[in-house]
Amino acid sequence: MKPFIPALIWGTIITWVSVMPKQSFPKIELDLMSPDKLAHALVYMILVVALYWGLSKSGNLNRKTIILSICIGSFYGILMEVAQYLFFPGRYFEFLDIIANIIGSIASLLFLYFFK
């Protein structure tokens, strides 16, 4: 469990930021390269890298667990968007946020490939 503490802390931060009330009205952004979407991708890339680190430290690192960590990051990104829509007034569901979260989760592979 100890190797996964960074991923758990980061996941908690994601949850906290995702459920905080927003102060502005939703903007419809059709640009996947907007600062907001890049931030989403970066946040979920960090989450998957933290999961990868935990897997490597716990000795459970293989292709299947790497794919699982990407799936967990992607699913968590989808879950946060749906939860925002269903349970938190002032928060909005954005399909492009989900796409950015998934891209960030997958991009973690490139990051790990180049920096490992």
N, C-alpha and C. Protein backbone atom coordinates (compact mmCIF):
# COMPACT_ATOMS: atom_id res chain seq x y z
N MET A 1 0.82 -1.20 0.00
CA MET A 1 0.00 0.00 0.00
C MET A 1 0.86 1.27 0.00
N LYS A 2 1.99 1.23 0.70
CA LYS A 2 2.86 2.40 0.82
C LYS A 2 3.32 2.95 -0.54
N PRO A 3 3.66 2.11 -1.53
CA PRO A 3 4.10 2.66 -2.81
C PRO A 3 3.00 3.44 -3.55
N PHE A 4 1.76 3.25 -3.16
CA PHE A 4 0.66 3.91 -3.85
C PHE A 4 0.21 5.19 -3.17
N ILE A 5 0.90 5.59 -2.10
CA ILE A 5 0.51 6.81 -1.38
C ILE A 5 0.55 8.05 -2.30
N PRO A 6 1.59 8.24 -3.15
CA PRO A 6 1.55 9.40 -4.05
C PRO A 6 0.33 9.40 -4.97
N ALA A 7 -0.03 8.24 -5.51
CA ALA A 7 -1.20 8.16 -6.39
C ALA A 7 -2.48 8.45 -5.61
N LEU A 8 -2.57 7.96 -4.39
CA LEU A 8 -3.75 8.22 -3.57
C LEU A 8 -3.86 9.70 -3.20
N ILE A 9 -2.75 10.31 -2.87
CA ILE A 9 -2.76 11.74 -2.55
C ILE A 9 -3.15 12.55 -3.78
N TRP A 10 -2.57 12.22 -4.94
CA TRP A 10 -2.88 12.95 -6.16
C TRP A 10 -4.35 12.74 -6.54
N GLY A 11 -4.85 11.52 -6.40
CA GLY A 11 -6.26 11.25 -6.68
C GLY A 11 -7.18 12.04 -5.76
N THR A 12 -6.77 12.20 -4.50
CA THR A 12 -7.55 13.00 -3.56
C THR A 12 -7.55 14.47 -3.96
N ILE A 13 -6.42 14.96 -4.41
CA ILE A 13 -6.34 16.35 -4.88
C ILE A 13 -7.24 16.54 -6.10
N ILE A 14 -7.21 15.60 -7.03
CA ILE A 14 -8.08 15.67 -8.21
C ILE A 14 -9.54 15.73 -7.78
N THR A 15 -9.91 14.86 -6.85
CA THR A 15 -11.30 14.83 -6.39
C THR A 15 -11.68 16.16 -5.75
N TRP A 16 -10.81 16.68 -4.89
CA TRP A 16 -11.10 17.93 -4.21
C TRP A 16 -11.29 19.08 -5.21
N VAL A 17 -10.39 19.19 -6.16
CA VAL A 17 -10.48 20.26 -7.15
C VAL A 17 -11.70 20.06 -8.05
N SER A 18 -12.03 18.82 -8.34
CA SER A 18 -13.16 18.53 -9.23
C SER A 18 -14.51 18.85 -8.61
N VAL A 19 -14.61 18.81 -7.29
CA VAL A 19 -15.90 19.05 -6.65
C VAL A 19 -16.04 20.46 -6.07
N MET A 20 -14.95 21.24 -6.10
CA MET A 20 -15.03 22.63 -5.63
C MET A 20 -15.96 23.41 -6.55
N PRO A 21 -16.76 24.31 -5.97
CA PRO A 21 -17.64 25.12 -6.82
C PRO A 21 -16.82 26.03 -7.73
N LYS A 22 -17.26 26.14 -8.96
CA LYS A 22 -16.62 27.06 -9.90
C LYS A 22 -17.24 28.43 -9.75
N GLN A 23 -16.45 29.44 -9.96
CA GLN A 23 -16.93 30.81 -9.81
C GLN A 23 -17.43 31.42 -11.11
N SER A 24 -17.22 30.73 -12.22
CA SER A 24 -17.61 31.32 -13.50
C SER A 24 -18.58 30.40 -14.23
N PHE A 25 -19.22 30.94 -15.22
CA PHE A 25 -20.13 30.15 -16.04
C PHE A 25 -19.33 29.26 -16.97
N PRO A 26 -19.92 28.15 -17.40
CA PRO A 26 -19.18 27.24 -18.28
C PRO A 26 -18.91 27.89 -19.62
N LYS A 27 -17.73 27.66 -20.14
CA LYS A 27 -17.38 28.12 -21.48
C LYS A 27 -17.38 26.91 -22.39
N ILE A 28 -17.92 27.07 -23.54
CA ILE A 28 -17.88 25.98 -24.51
C ILE A 28 -16.59 26.14 -25.29
N GLU A 29 -15.68 25.21 -25.07
CA GLU A 29 -14.39 25.25 -25.75
C GLU A 29 -14.31 24.06 -26.68
N LEU A 30 -14.15 24.35 -27.93
CA LEU A 30 -14.05 23.28 -28.90
C LEU A 30 -12.60 22.99 -29.26
N ASP A 31 -11.70 23.58 -28.52
CA ASP A 31 -10.28 23.44 -28.80
C ASP A 31 -9.65 22.51 -27.77
N LEU A 32 -9.16 21.37 -28.24
CA LEU A 32 -8.53 20.40 -27.34
C LEU A 32 -7.16 20.89 -26.88
N MET A 33 -6.66 21.97 -27.45
CA MET A 33 -5.35 22.50 -27.07
C MET A 33 -5.48 23.74 -26.17
N SER A 34 -6.68 23.98 -25.62
CA SER A 34 -6.86 25.13 -24.72
C SER A 34 -6.12 24.86 -23.42
N PRO A 35 -5.78 25.91 -22.68
CA PRO A 35 -5.08 25.71 -21.41
C PRO A 35 -5.83 24.79 -20.45
N ASP A 36 -7.16 24.90 -20.42
CA ASP A 36 -7.95 24.04 -19.54
C ASP A 36 -7.80 22.56 -19.91
N LYS A 37 -7.85 22.27 -21.19
CA LYS A 37 -7.75 20.87 -21.63
C LYS A 37 -6.33 20.34 -21.44
N LEU A 38 -5.34 21.18 -21.66
CA LEU A 38 -3.96 20.76 -21.41
C LEU A 38 -3.74 20.49 -19.92
N ALA A 39 -4.37 21.29 -19.06
CA ALA A 39 -4.27 21.06 -17.61
C ALA A 39 -4.91 19.72 -17.24
N HIS A 40 -6.07 19.43 -17.84
CA HIS A 40 -6.71 18.13 -17.59
C HIS A 40 -5.78 16.98 -17.98
N ALA A 41 -5.19 17.09 -19.16
CA ALA A 41 -4.30 16.03 -19.64
C ALA A 41 -3.11 15.87 -18.70
N LEU A 42 -2.53 16.96 -18.27
CA LEU A 42 -1.36 16.91 -17.38
C LEU A 42 -1.72 16.28 -16.03
N VAL A 43 -2.85 16.66 -15.48
CA VAL A 43 -3.27 16.14 -14.18
C VAL A 43 -3.44 14.62 -14.23
N TYR A 44 -4.06 14.12 -15.30
CA TYR A 44 -4.29 12.67 -15.39
C TYR A 44 -3.02 11.93 -15.82
N MET A 45 -2.14 12.60 -16.53
CA MET A 45 -0.85 11.98 -16.83
C MET A 45 -0.07 11.77 -15.53
N ILE A 46 -0.08 12.76 -14.65
CA ILE A 46 0.61 12.64 -13.36
C ILE A 46 -0.01 11.51 -12.55
N LEU A 47 -1.32 11.39 -12.56
CA LEU A 47 -1.98 10.31 -11.82
C LEU A 47 -1.51 8.94 -12.30
N VAL A 48 -1.46 8.74 -13.60
CA VAL A 48 -1.05 7.44 -14.14
C VAL A 48 0.44 7.19 -13.88
N VAL A 49 1.26 8.22 -13.98
CA VAL A 49 2.69 8.05 -13.66
C VAL A 49 2.84 7.66 -12.18
N ALA A 50 2.06 8.25 -11.30
CA ALA A 50 2.11 7.88 -9.88
C ALA A 50 1.66 6.43 -9.67
N LEU A 51 0.64 6.01 -10.40
CA LEU A 51 0.21 4.61 -10.33
C LEU A 51 1.32 3.68 -10.83
N TYR A 52 1.94 4.07 -11.94
CA TYR A 52 3.05 3.30 -12.50
C TYR A 52 4.18 3.18 -11.47
N TRP A 53 4.51 4.28 -10.81
CA TRP A 53 5.57 4.29 -9.81
C TRP A 53 5.23 3.32 -8.68
N GLY A 54 3.97 3.36 -8.23
CA GLY A 54 3.54 2.45 -7.18
C GLY A 54 3.65 1.00 -7.61
N LEU A 55 3.27 0.73 -8.85
CA LEU A 55 3.38 -0.64 -9.37
C LEU A 55 4.84 -1.09 -9.44
N SER A 56 5.72 -0.19 -9.87
CA SER A 56 7.12 -0.57 -9.99
C SER A 56 7.74 -0.82 -8.61
N LYS A 57 7.35 -0.04 -7.62
CA LYS A 57 7.89 -0.21 -6.27
C LYS A 57 7.32 -1.45 -5.58
N SER A 58 6.11 -1.86 -5.97
CA SER A 58 5.50 -3.02 -5.33
C SER A 58 5.85 -4.32 -6.04
N GLY A 59 6.58 -4.22 -7.15
CA GLY A 59 7.01 -5.42 -7.87
C GLY A 59 5.95 -6.03 -8.77
N ASN A 60 4.89 -5.29 -9.03
CA ASN A 60 3.79 -5.79 -9.86
C ASN A 60 3.77 -5.18 -11.25
N LEU A 61 4.91 -4.78 -11.75
CA LEU A 61 4.96 -4.07 -13.02
C LEU A 61 5.07 -5.03 -14.18
N ASN A 62 4.06 -5.03 -15.03
CA ASN A 62 4.09 -5.76 -16.29
C ASN A 62 3.15 -5.05 -17.25
N ARG A 63 3.07 -5.54 -18.46
CA ARG A 63 2.26 -4.88 -19.48
C ARG A 63 0.80 -4.77 -19.06
N LYS A 64 0.27 -5.81 -18.45
CA LYS A 64 -1.14 -5.81 -18.05
C LYS A 64 -1.41 -4.75 -16.98
N THR A 65 -0.51 -4.61 -16.01
CA THR A 65 -0.73 -3.63 -14.96
C THR A 65 -0.52 -2.19 -15.46
N ILE A 66 0.35 -2.03 -16.44
CA ILE A 66 0.52 -0.71 -17.04
C ILE A 66 -0.75 -0.30 -17.75
N ILE A 67 -1.33 -1.21 -18.51
CA ILE A 67 -2.60 -0.93 -19.20
C ILE A 67 -3.70 -0.68 -18.18
N LEU A 68 -3.70 -1.46 -17.10
CA LEU A 68 -4.68 -1.26 -16.05
C LEU A 68 -4.56 0.13 -15.44
N SER A 69 -3.34 0.61 -15.21
CA SER A 69 -3.17 1.94 -14.63
C SER A 69 -3.69 3.02 -15.57
N ILE A 70 -3.50 2.84 -16.87
CA ILE A 70 -4.05 3.80 -17.85
C ILE A 70 -5.57 3.74 -17.83
N CYS A 71 -6.13 2.55 -17.73
CA CYS A 71 -7.58 2.40 -17.67
C CYS A 71 -8.15 3.02 -16.39
N ILE A 72 -7.44 2.85 -15.28
CA ILE A 72 -7.89 3.45 -14.02
C ILE A 72 -7.89 4.97 -14.14
N GLY A 73 -6.82 5.54 -14.68
CA GLY A 73 -6.76 6.99 -14.86
C GLY A 73 -7.87 7.49 -15.77
N SER A 74 -8.11 6.80 -16.87
CA SER A 74 -9.16 7.20 -17.81
C SER A 74 -10.54 7.07 -17.16
N PHE A 75 -10.78 5.96 -16.49
CA PHE A 75 -12.07 5.75 -15.84
C PHE A 75 -12.31 6.80 -14.75
N TYR A 76 -11.28 7.13 -14.00
CA TYR A 76 -11.41 8.12 -12.95
C TYR A 76 -11.75 9.49 -13.54
N GLY A 77 -11.15 9.81 -14.68
CA GLY A 77 -11.47 11.06 -15.36
C GLY A 77 -12.92 11.11 -15.81
N ILE A 78 -13.42 10.00 -16.32
CA ILE A 78 -14.83 9.93 -16.72
C ILE A 78 -15.72 10.05 -15.48
N LEU A 79 -15.38 9.31 -14.43
CA LEU A 79 -16.15 9.32 -13.20
C LEU A 79 -16.25 10.73 -12.61
N MET A 80 -15.16 11.47 -12.61
CA MET A 80 -15.18 12.82 -12.05
C MET A 80 -16.09 13.74 -12.85
N GLU A 81 -16.07 13.61 -14.17
CA GLU A 81 -16.96 14.45 -15.00
C GLU A 81 -18.43 14.12 -14.74
N VAL A 82 -18.74 12.85 -14.66
CA VAL A 82 -20.13 12.44 -14.40
C VAL A 82 -20.55 12.88 -13.00
N ALA A 83 -19.67 12.71 -12.01
CA ALA A 83 -19.99 13.13 -10.64
C ALA A 83 -20.22 14.63 -10.55
N GLN A 84 -19.41 15.40 -11.27
CA GLN A 84 -19.61 16.85 -11.29
C GLN A 84 -21.01 17.19 -11.78
N TYR A 85 -21.42 16.54 -12.84
CA TYR A 85 -22.73 16.81 -13.44
C TYR A 85 -23.87 16.40 -12.51
N LEU A 86 -23.75 15.22 -11.90
CA LEU A 86 -24.85 14.67 -11.12
C LEU A 86 -24.97 15.23 -9.71
N PHE A 87 -23.85 15.53 -9.07
CA PHE A 87 -23.88 15.79 -7.64
C PHE A 87 -23.42 17.17 -7.19
N PHE A 88 -22.83 17.95 -8.06
CA PHE A 88 -22.24 19.21 -7.61
C PHE A 88 -22.77 20.39 -8.42
N PRO A 89 -23.69 21.13 -7.83
CA PRO A 89 -24.23 22.31 -8.52
C PRO A 89 -23.12 23.30 -8.86
N GLY A 90 -23.22 23.88 -10.00
CA GLY A 90 -22.19 24.83 -10.44
C GLY A 90 -21.05 24.17 -11.18
N ARG A 91 -21.03 22.85 -11.22
CA ARG A 91 -20.02 22.11 -11.99
C ARG A 91 -20.72 21.52 -13.20
N TYR A 92 -19.99 21.35 -14.29
CA TYR A 92 -20.60 20.94 -15.55
C TYR A 92 -19.87 19.76 -16.16
N PHE A 93 -20.62 18.96 -16.87
CA PHE A 93 -20.08 17.84 -17.62
C PHE A 93 -19.54 18.37 -18.94
N GLU A 94 -18.28 18.06 -19.23
CA GLU A 94 -17.69 18.46 -20.50
C GLU A 94 -17.05 17.25 -21.16
N PHE A 95 -17.57 16.90 -22.31
CA PHE A 95 -17.06 15.74 -23.02
C PHE A 95 -15.58 15.92 -23.39
N LEU A 96 -15.19 17.13 -23.77
CA LEU A 96 -13.79 17.36 -24.14
C LEU A 96 -12.86 17.22 -22.94
N ASP A 97 -13.37 17.46 -21.73
CA ASP A 97 -12.55 17.21 -20.53
C ASP A 97 -12.26 15.72 -20.42
N ILE A 98 -13.26 14.90 -20.70
CA ILE A 98 -13.05 13.44 -20.67
C ILE A 98 -11.99 13.04 -21.69
N ILE A 99 -12.09 13.57 -22.88
CA ILE A 99 -11.10 13.26 -23.93
C ILE A 99 -9.71 13.69 -23.47
N ALA A 100 -9.61 14.88 -22.89
CA ALA A 100 -8.31 15.36 -22.40
C ALA A 100 -7.78 14.47 -21.28
N ASN A 101 -8.66 14.02 -20.39
CA ASN A 101 -8.24 13.13 -19.31
C ASN A 101 -7.69 11.81 -19.86
N ILE A 102 -8.37 11.27 -20.85
CA ILE A 102 -7.93 10.02 -21.47
C ILE A 102 -6.62 10.22 -22.22
N ILE A 103 -6.50 11.33 -22.94
CA ILE A 103 -5.25 11.62 -23.65
C ILE A 103 -4.09 11.74 -22.65
N GLY A 104 -4.33 12.40 -21.54
CA GLY A 104 -3.28 12.52 -20.52
C GLY A 104 -2.89 11.18 -19.94
N SER A 105 -3.89 10.32 -19.71
CA SER A 105 -3.60 8.98 -19.18
C SER A 105 -2.74 8.20 -20.16
N ILE A 106 -3.08 8.27 -21.42
CA ILE A 106 -2.31 7.55 -22.45
C ILE A 106 -0.93 8.20 -22.65
N ALA A 107 -0.89 9.53 -22.57
CA ALA A 107 0.39 10.24 -22.76
C ALA A 107 1.41 9.87 -21.69
N SER A 108 0.94 9.36 -20.58
CA SER A 108 1.87 8.93 -19.54
C SER A 108 2.83 7.87 -20.06
N LEU A 109 2.37 7.06 -21.01
CA LEU A 109 3.26 6.06 -21.62
C LEU A 109 4.43 6.72 -22.32
N LEU A 110 4.16 7.78 -23.08
CA LEU A 110 5.23 8.49 -23.77
C LEU A 110 6.18 9.12 -22.76
N PHE A 111 5.62 9.72 -21.74
CA PHE A 111 6.44 10.34 -20.70
C PHE A 111 7.36 9.28 -20.06
N LEU A 112 6.76 8.16 -19.69
CA LEU A 112 7.56 7.10 -19.05
C LEU A 112 8.59 6.51 -20.00
N TYR A 113 8.25 6.39 -21.27
CA TYR A 113 9.17 5.84 -22.25
C TYR A 113 10.41 6.73 -22.40
N PHE A 114 10.19 8.05 -22.45
CA PHE A 114 11.30 8.97 -22.68
C PHE A 114 12.09 9.29 -21.42
N PHE A 115 11.48 9.17 -20.26
CA PHE A 115 12.15 9.57 -19.02
C PHE A 115 12.51 8.42 -18.11
N LYS A 116 12.31 7.21 -18.56
CA LYS A 116 12.65 6.06 -17.73
C LYS A 116 14.04 5.59 -18.07
